[in-house]
Amino acid sequence: MFNKENSYTLHTEEVEGIVCYIVRFKDSQNILQEVEVPHSVFDALAHCSKKEEALARQDRRHIEYAELADTEIYDRAVHKPKSVEEAALNNLLGEDLTRAIAELPETQRRRFLLYHDCGLTLQKIAEIEKRAFQVVARSVRSAENRIKKILKEWG
């Protein structure tokens, strides 16, 4: 966790053409101190300072997140979760769709699943089954229409 009380500041000053590396901090009696340090120490402290700043940002993010109410987190979400009703409806539709697909003839079912579930192109399915592209396309389109009809009948 970032500790602001142990902070120090880093400065460079040029005196007669020579760069001086200065560290300023408050000692235990809260008196401002300035110390000239070698360049290597200055670089090491600069590196530590960057790490401290990163820790401070991380602390702020975690504290902000911990203080957010569930509604605020939901409002900030990019992909909002589905409501219980939507999830239940999707589940029921998924079950109906699965049953409707099961009612298709075996060839239509296979081609429909290869196209929609496996993501194969109609051309690739035609090559695999050694059939004309038009035959496979007509079969998949027919399967889609048949599924729509079945789902309409079920309401």
C-alpha atoms as a PDB file:
ATOM      1  CA  MET A   1       0.000   0.000   0.000  1.00  0.00           C
ATOM      2  CA  PHE A   2       1.217   3.498  -0.861  1.00  0.00           C
ATOM      3  CA  ASN A   3       2.433   5.578   2.080  1.00  0.00           C
ATOM      4  CA  LYS A   4       2.211   9.324   1.402  1.00  0.00           C
ATOM      5  CA  GLU A   5       4.003  10.222   4.672  1.00  0.00           C
ATOM      6  CA  ASN A   6       7.339   8.819   3.480  1.00  0.00           C
ATOM      7  CA  SER A   7       7.274  10.972   0.359  1.00  0.00           C
ATOM      8  CA  TYR A   8      10.217  12.846  -1.021  1.00  0.00           C
ATOM      9  CA  THR A   9      10.718  15.062  -4.011  1.00  0.00           C
ATOM     10  CA  LEU A  10      13.495  14.954  -6.546  1.00  0.00           C
ATOM     11  CA  HIS A  11      15.027  18.017  -8.175  1.00  0.00           C
ATOM     12  CA  THR A  12      17.973  18.857 -10.346  1.00  0.00           C
ATOM     13  CA  GLU A  13      19.828  22.137 -10.178  1.00  0.00           C
ATOM     14  CA  GLU A  14      22.585  23.403 -12.386  1.00  0.00           C
ATOM     15  CA  VAL A  15      25.366  25.204 -10.564  1.00  0.00           C
ATOM     16  CA  GLU A  16      28.245  26.578 -12.687  1.00  0.00           C
ATOM     17  CA  GLY A  17      27.444  24.130 -15.486  1.00  0.00           C
ATOM     18  CA  ILE A  18      27.369  21.096 -13.167  1.00  0.00           C
ATOM     19  CA  VAL A  19      24.105  19.251 -12.589  1.00  0.00           C
ATOM     20  CA  CYS A  20      23.342  18.597  -8.918  1.00  0.00           C
ATOM     21  CA  TYR A  21      20.837  15.931  -7.914  1.00  0.00           C
ATOM     22  CA  ILE A  22      18.788  16.975  -4.900  1.00  0.00           C
ATOM     23  CA  VAL A  23      16.399  14.951  -2.725  1.00  0.00           C
ATOM     24  CA  ARG A  24      13.991  16.906  -0.526  1.00  0.00           C
ATOM     25  CA  PHE A  25      12.095  15.294   2.330  1.00  0.00           C
ATOM     26  CA  LYS A  26      10.795  16.021   5.821  1.00  0.00           C
ATOM     27  CA  ASP A  27      12.611  14.353   8.673  1.00  0.00           C
ATOM     28  CA  SER A  28      11.062  12.884  11.838  1.00  0.00           C
ATOM     29  CA  GLN A  29      10.732  16.389  13.384  1.00  0.00           C
ATOM     30  CA  ASN A  30       8.896  17.526  10.233  1.00  0.00           C
ATOM     31  CA  ILE A  31      11.813  19.740   9.140  1.00  0.00           C
ATOM     32  CA  LEU A  32      12.433  20.034   5.403  1.00  0.00           C
ATOM     33  CA  GLN A  33      15.804  18.538   4.479  1.00  0.00           C
ATOM     34  CA  GLU A  34      17.745  18.811   1.195  1.00  0.00           C
ATOM     35  CA  VAL A  35      20.453  16.322   0.360  1.00  0.00           C
ATOM     36  CA  GLU A  36      22.659  16.200  -2.712  1.00  0.00           C
ATOM     37  CA  VAL A  37      23.019  12.610  -3.941  1.00  0.00           C
ATOM     38  CA  PRO A  38      24.950  10.876  -6.736  1.00  0.00           C
ATOM     39  CA  HIS A  39      23.212  10.402 -10.077  1.00  0.00           C
ATOM     40  CA  SER A  40      22.823   6.634  -9.504  1.00  0.00           C
ATOM     41  CA  VAL A  41      20.991   7.202  -6.195  1.00  0.00           C
ATOM     42  CA  PHE A  42      18.816   9.888  -7.823  1.00  0.00           C
ATOM     43  CA  ASP A  43      17.865   7.436 -10.611  1.00  0.00           C
ATOM     44  CA  ALA A  44      17.064   4.697  -8.083  1.00  0.00           C
ATOM     45  CA  LEU A  45      14.842   7.075  -6.105  1.00  0.00           C
ATOM     46  CA  ALA A  46      13.126   8.232  -9.311  1.00  0.00           C
ATOM     47  CA  HIS A  47      12.388   4.584 -10.128  1.00  0.00           C
ATOM     48  CA  CYS A  48      10.989   4.033  -6.621  1.00  0.00           C
ATOM     49  CA  SER A  49       8.899   7.184  -6.946  1.00  0.00           C
ATOM     50  CA  LYS A  50       7.283   5.833 -10.122  1.00  0.00           C
ATOM     51  CA  LYS A  51       6.498   2.575  -8.334  1.00  0.00           C
ATOM     52  CA  GLU A  52       4.960   4.492  -5.425  1.00  0.00           C
ATOM     53  CA  GLU A  53       2.771   6.474  -7.836  1.00  0.00           C
ATOM     54  CA  ALA A  54       1.628   3.230  -9.477  1.00  0.00           C
ATOM     55  CA  LEU A  55       0.758   1.792  -6.057  1.00  0.00           C
ATOM     56  CA  ALA A  56      -1.186   4.952  -5.193  1.00  0.00           C
ATOM     57  CA  ARG A  57      -3.208   4.640  -8.428  1.00  0.00           C
ATOM     58  CA  GLN A  58      -3.852   0.981  -7.695  1.00  0.00           C
ATOM     59  CA  ASP A  59      -5.014   1.826  -4.164  1.00  0.00           C
ATOM     60  CA  ARG A  60      -7.388   4.485  -5.502  1.00  0.00           C
ATOM     61  CA  ARG A  61      -8.871   2.045  -8.027  1.00  0.00           C
ATOM     62  CA  HIS A  62      -9.407  -0.649  -5.394  1.00  0.00           C
ATOM     63  CA  ILE A  63     -10.862   1.762  -2.870  1.00  0.00           C
ATOM     64  CA  GLU A  64     -13.173   3.263  -5.496  1.00  0.00           C
ATOM     65  CA  TYR A  65     -14.331  -0.190  -6.569  1.00  0.00           C
ATOM     66  CA  ALA A  66     -14.907  -1.276  -2.964  1.00  0.00           C
ATOM     67  CA  GLU A  67     -17.006   1.823  -2.315  1.00  0.00           C
ATOM     68  CA  LEU A  68     -19.201   1.422  -5.408  1.00  0.00           C
ATOM     69  CA  ALA A  69     -22.732   0.184  -4.887  1.00  0.00           C
ATOM     70  CA  ASP A  70     -23.952  -2.750  -6.955  1.00  0.00           C
ATOM     71  CA  THR A  71     -26.129  -0.427  -9.032  1.00  0.00           C
ATOM     72  CA  GLU A  72     -23.131   1.766  -9.924  1.00  0.00           C
ATOM     73  CA  ILE A  73     -21.093  -1.282 -10.925  1.00  0.00           C
ATOM     74  CA  TYR A  74     -24.005  -2.499 -13.061  1.00  0.00           C
ATOM     75  CA  ASP A  75     -24.340   0.932 -14.714  1.00  0.00           C
ATOM     76  CA  ARG A  76     -20.610   0.943 -15.600  1.00  0.00           C
ATOM     77  CA  ALA A  77     -20.654  -2.592 -17.037  1.00  0.00           C
ATOM     78  CA  VAL A  78     -19.937  -2.871 -20.751  1.00  0.00           C
ATOM     79  CA  HIS A  79     -21.777  -6.186 -21.089  1.00  0.00           C
ATOM     80  CA  LYS A  80     -24.682  -6.020 -18.708  1.00  0.00           C
ATOM     81  CA  PRO A  81     -25.829  -9.375 -17.307  1.00  0.00           C
ATOM     82  CA  LYS A  82     -29.189 -10.670 -18.442  1.00  0.00           C
ATOM     83  CA  SER A  83     -32.121 -10.405 -16.114  1.00  0.00           C
ATOM     84  CA  VAL A  84     -33.502 -13.595 -14.588  1.00  0.00           C
ATOM     85  CA  GLU A  85     -36.488 -13.370 -16.931  1.00  0.00           C
ATOM     86  CA  GLU A  86     -34.266 -12.996 -20.027  1.00  0.00           C
ATOM     87  CA  ALA A  87     -32.057 -15.882 -18.935  1.00  0.00           C
ATOM     88  CA  ALA A  88     -35.070 -18.123 -18.326  1.00  0.00           C
ATOM     89  CA  LEU A  89     -36.611 -17.175 -21.692  1.00  0.00           C
ATOM     90  CA  ASN A  90     -33.322 -17.831 -23.499  1.00  0.00           C
ATOM     91  CA  ASN A  91     -33.065 -21.187 -21.742  1.00  0.00           C
ATOM     92  CA  LEU A  92     -36.587 -22.146 -22.820  1.00  0.00           C
ATOM     93  CA  LEU A  93     -35.935 -20.977 -26.382  1.00  0.00           C
ATOM     94  CA  GLY A  94     -32.702 -22.960 -26.395  1.00  0.00           C
ATOM     95  CA  GLU A  95     -34.555 -26.088 -25.297  1.00  0.00           C
ATOM     96  CA  ASP A  96     -37.221 -25.543 -27.961  1.00  0.00           C
ATOM     97  CA  LEU A  97     -34.572 -24.952 -30.611  1.00  0.00           C
ATOM     98  CA  THR A  98     -32.747 -28.140 -29.598  1.00  0.00           C
ATOM     99  CA  ARG A  99     -35.974 -30.136 -29.868  1.00  0.00           C
ATOM    100  CA  ALA A 100     -36.792 -28.529 -33.239  1.00  0.00           C
ATOM    101  CA  ILE A 101     -33.333 -29.383 -34.591  1.00  0.00           C
ATOM    102  CA  ALA A 102     -33.786 -32.960 -33.392  1.00  0.00           C
ATOM    103  CA  GLU A 103     -36.929 -33.222 -35.543  1.00  0.00           C
ATOM    104  CA  LEU A 104     -35.012 -32.415 -38.748  1.00  0.00           C
ATOM    105  CA  PRO A 105     -34.048 -35.207 -41.139  1.00  0.00           C
ATOM    106  CA  GLU A 106     -30.526 -36.455 -40.419  1.00  0.00           C
ATOM    107  CA  THR A 107     -28.876 -34.829 -43.473  1.00  0.00           C
ATOM    108  CA  GLN A 108     -30.499 -31.437 -42.844  1.00  0.00           C
ATOM    109  CA  ARG A 109     -29.651 -31.618 -39.135  1.00  0.00           C
ATOM    110  CA  ARG A 110     -25.998 -32.441 -39.865  1.00  0.00           C
ATOM    111  CA  ARG A 111     -25.620 -29.633 -42.428  1.00  0.00           C
ATOM    112  CA  PHE A 112     -27.489 -27.139 -40.232  1.00  0.00           C
ATOM    113  CA  LEU A 113     -25.232 -27.891 -37.248  1.00  0.00           C
ATOM    114  CA  LEU A 114     -22.063 -27.813 -39.347  1.00  0.00           C
ATOM    115  CA  TYR A 115     -23.062 -24.409 -40.672  1.00  0.00           C
ATOM    116  CA  HIS A 116     -24.467 -22.779 -37.518  1.00  0.00           C
ATOM    117  CA  ASP A 117     -22.664 -24.523 -34.640  1.00  0.00           C
ATOM    118  CA  CYS A 118     -19.310 -25.374 -36.201  1.00  0.00           C
ATOM    119  CA  GLY A 119     -19.122 -22.244 -38.339  1.00  0.00           C
ATOM    120  CA  LEU A 120     -18.245 -24.042 -41.565  1.00  0.00           C
ATOM    121  CA  THR A 121     -19.072 -22.275 -44.807  1.00  0.00           C
ATOM    122  CA  LEU A 122     -21.604 -23.783 -47.173  1.00  0.00           C
ATOM    123  CA  GLN A 123     -18.780 -24.271 -49.688  1.00  0.00           C
ATOM    124  CA  LYS A 124     -16.695 -26.211 -47.132  1.00  0.00           C
ATOM    125  CA  ILE A 125     -19.668 -28.436 -46.212  1.00  0.00           C
ATOM    126  CA  ALA A 126     -20.237 -29.110 -49.918  1.00  0.00           C
ATOM    127  CA  GLU A 127     -16.574 -30.104 -50.330  1.00  0.00           C
ATOM    128  CA  ILE A 128     -16.681 -32.403 -47.273  1.00  0.00           C
ATOM    129  CA  GLU A 129     -19.873 -34.136 -48.416  1.00  0.00           C
ATOM    130  CA  LYS A 130     -18.828 -34.110 -52.093  1.00  0.00           C
ATOM    131  CA  ARG A 131     -22.080 -32.395 -53.063  1.00  0.00           C
ATOM    132  CA  ALA A 132     -22.856 -29.314 -55.142  1.00  0.00           C
ATOM    133  CA  PHE A 133     -22.838 -26.012 -53.291  1.00  0.00           C
ATOM    134  CA  GLN A 134     -26.448 -25.312 -54.330  1.00  0.00           C
ATOM    135  CA  VAL A 135     -27.614 -28.635 -52.860  1.00  0.00           C
ATOM    136  CA  VAL A 136     -26.033 -27.877 -49.480  1.00  0.00           C
ATOM    137  CA  ALA A 137     -27.279 -24.270 -49.488  1.00  0.00           C
ATOM    138  CA  ARG A 138     -30.822 -25.388 -50.292  1.00  0.00           C
ATOM    139  CA  SER A 139     -30.644 -28.053 -47.560  1.00  0.00           C
ATOM    140  CA  VAL A 140     -29.507 -25.567 -44.877  1.00  0.00           C
ATOM    141  CA  ARG A 141     -32.087 -22.971 -45.965  1.00  0.00           C
ATOM    142  CA  SER A 142     -34.776 -25.657 -45.884  1.00  0.00           C
ATOM    143  CA  ALA A 143     -33.679 -26.700 -42.380  1.00  0.00           C
ATOM    144  CA  GLU A 144     -33.853 -23.083 -41.192  1.00  0.00           C
ATOM    145  CA  ASN A 145     -37.354 -22.665 -42.618  1.00  0.00           C
ATOM    146  CA  ARG A 146     -38.484 -25.941 -41.106  1.00  0.00           C
ATOM    147  CA  ILE A 147     -37.150 -24.931 -37.664  1.00  0.00           C
ATOM    148  CA  LYS A 148     -38.965 -21.574 -37.908  1.00  0.00           C
ATOM    149  CA  LYS A 149     -42.190 -23.386 -38.797  1.00  0.00           C
ATOM    150  CA  ILE A 150     -41.816 -25.849 -35.905  1.00  0.00           C
ATOM    151  CA  LEU A 151     -41.106 -23.055 -33.413  1.00  0.00           C
ATOM    152  CA  LYS A 152     -44.153 -21.086 -34.651  1.00  0.00           C
ATOM    153  CA  GLU A 153     -46.361 -24.161 -34.210  1.00  0.00           C
ATOM    154  CA  TRP A 154     -45.152 -24.548 -30.609  1.00  0.00           C
ATOM    155  CA  GLY A 155     -45.955 -20.890 -29.973  1.00  0.00           C
END
